[in-house]
Amino acid sequence: MRDEPLLREKAREAIHSGRVPTVRPSRMLLCSLSAGETCAVCGDLLAGGEMEFEFEYRTSPPPEADSLMEALSRIPEVQRYHLHHDCFVAWEFERTNVGPPERRQSI
């Protein structure tokens, strides 16, 4: 594992700056292969083919429609985040321990 205290500091910084949220993701795609994205926590490049954690948040509500074709034409907007494994671990720990108490999970 990379330098854990440094990664936790970077995770706190990313949370406080708004680069990553503190709430649970809407959807998580664990351990996919990177396509060369930038890690949302440390800012380093995820090498192409490197294992990454990807999670997403809906930024708009799901579409309401009368038909399948109408629903497909209104796919909700999604914000995606890509993280190294160690950065994900640091973010997951820090997101439950920062911010106002109502955003913290009980242990």
Protein backbone atom coordinates (compact mmCIF):
# COMPACT_ATOMS: atom_id res chain seq x y z
CA MET A 1 0.00 0.00 0.00
CA ARG A 2 1.19 3.49 -0.77
CA ASP A 3 1.81 5.96 2.09
CA GLU A 4 -1.46 5.64 4.02
CA PRO A 5 -1.25 8.88 6.07
CA LEU A 6 -0.47 10.86 2.91
CA LEU A 7 -3.36 9.26 1.01
CA ARG A 8 -5.77 9.94 3.85
CA GLU A 9 -4.66 13.58 3.84
CA LYS A 10 -5.20 13.74 0.06
CA ALA A 11 -8.63 12.13 0.50
CA ARG A 12 -9.60 14.73 3.15
CA GLU A 13 -8.35 17.49 0.86
CA ALA A 14 -10.33 16.08 -2.09
CA ILE A 15 -13.47 15.91 0.06
CA HIS A 16 -13.10 19.43 1.47
CA SER A 17 -12.39 20.90 -1.97
CA GLY A 18 -15.43 19.16 -3.46
CA ARG A 19 -13.48 16.97 -5.90
CA VAL A 20 -15.14 13.90 -4.38
CA PRO A 21 -18.39 13.65 -2.40
CA THR A 22 -18.90 12.25 1.10
CA VAL A 23 -22.16 10.43 0.43
CA ARG A 24 -22.44 6.84 -0.71
CA PRO A 25 -22.31 6.44 -4.49
CA SER A 26 -25.46 5.69 -6.47
CA ARG A 27 -23.58 2.89 -8.21
CA MET A 28 -20.16 1.35 -7.84
CA LEU A 29 -18.22 -0.50 -10.52
CA LEU A 30 -15.51 -2.25 -8.55
CA CYS A 31 -12.18 -3.20 -10.02
CA SER A 32 -12.61 -2.35 -13.66
CA LEU A 33 -9.68 -1.78 -15.99
CA SER A 34 -8.69 1.85 -16.35
CA ALA A 35 -8.82 3.60 -19.68
CA GLY A 36 -6.23 6.15 -18.54
CA GLU A 37 -8.39 8.32 -16.28
CA THR A 38 -7.11 10.61 -13.53
CA CYS A 39 -7.58 9.55 -9.89
CA ALA A 40 -10.07 11.90 -8.21
CA VAL A 41 -8.22 11.66 -4.88
CA CYS A 42 -4.49 11.88 -5.60
CA GLY A 43 -4.63 13.42 -9.08
CA ASP A 44 -2.22 10.85 -10.55
CA LEU A 45 -2.97 9.05 -13.79
CA LEU A 46 -4.45 5.58 -13.65
CA ALA A 47 -2.37 3.75 -16.24
CA GLY A 48 -4.31 2.13 -19.08
CA GLY A 49 -5.23 -1.39 -18.04
CA GLU A 50 -4.54 -0.71 -14.32
CA MET A 51 -7.23 -1.90 -11.91
CA GLU A 52 -9.38 0.98 -10.66
CA PHE A 53 -12.41 1.65 -8.54
CA GLU A 54 -15.11 3.54 -10.41
CA PHE A 55 -18.23 4.92 -8.82
CA GLU A 56 -20.97 7.22 -9.99
CA TYR A 57 -23.62 9.61 -8.77
CA ARG A 58 -26.80 10.58 -10.56
CA THR A 59 -26.89 14.34 -10.98
CA SER A 60 -30.49 14.35 -12.18
CA PRO A 61 -33.50 12.22 -11.21
CA PRO A 62 -34.42 9.16 -13.27
CA PRO A 63 -36.66 9.97 -16.21
CA GLU A 64 -40.40 9.60 -16.00
CA ALA A 65 -41.87 8.43 -19.27
CA ASP A 66 -44.89 6.76 -20.79
CA SER A 67 -42.85 4.45 -23.02
CA LEU A 68 -39.47 2.73 -23.09
CA MET A 69 -38.37 4.80 -26.09
CA GLU A 70 -39.25 8.01 -24.27
CA ALA A 71 -37.38 6.86 -21.13
CA LEU A 72 -34.27 5.96 -23.15
CA SER A 73 -34.25 9.40 -24.71
CA ARG A 74 -34.06 10.95 -21.22
CA ILE A 75 -31.20 9.05 -19.59
CA PRO A 76 -30.25 10.73 -16.28
CA GLU A 77 -26.98 12.64 -16.05
CA VAL A 78 -24.23 10.83 -14.16
CA GLN A 79 -20.98 12.04 -12.55
CA ARG A 80 -18.24 9.37 -12.50
CA TYR A 81 -15.14 9.15 -10.30
CA HIS A 82 -12.08 6.94 -10.85
CA LEU A 83 -9.71 6.01 -8.00
CA HIS A 84 -6.65 3.84 -7.37
CA HIS A 85 -7.36 0.99 -4.96
CA ASP A 86 -5.38 2.64 -2.13
CA CYS A 87 -7.00 6.02 -2.81
CA PHE A 88 -10.43 4.37 -2.69
CA VAL A 89 -9.62 2.84 0.71
CA ALA A 90 -8.46 6.23 2.02
CA TRP A 91 -11.54 8.00 0.59
CA GLU A 92 -13.93 5.40 2.00
CA PHE A 93 -12.39 5.80 5.46
CA GLU A 94 -12.30 9.60 5.34
CA ARG A 95 -15.76 10.11 3.85
CA THR A 96 -17.26 8.47 6.92
CA ASN A 97 -15.17 10.62 9.29
CA VAL A 98 -15.39 14.15 7.85
CA GLY A 99 -18.08 16.74 7.34
CA PRO A 100 -21.09 17.50 9.51
CA PRO A 101 -22.28 14.73 11.87
CA GLU A 102 -25.39 14.02 9.79
CA ARG A 103 -23.11 12.91 6.92
CA ARG A 104 -21.05 10.53 9.06
CA GLN A 105 -21.81 6.85 9.36
CA SER A 106 -21.92 5.32 12.79
CA ILE A 107 -19.36 2.64 13.43
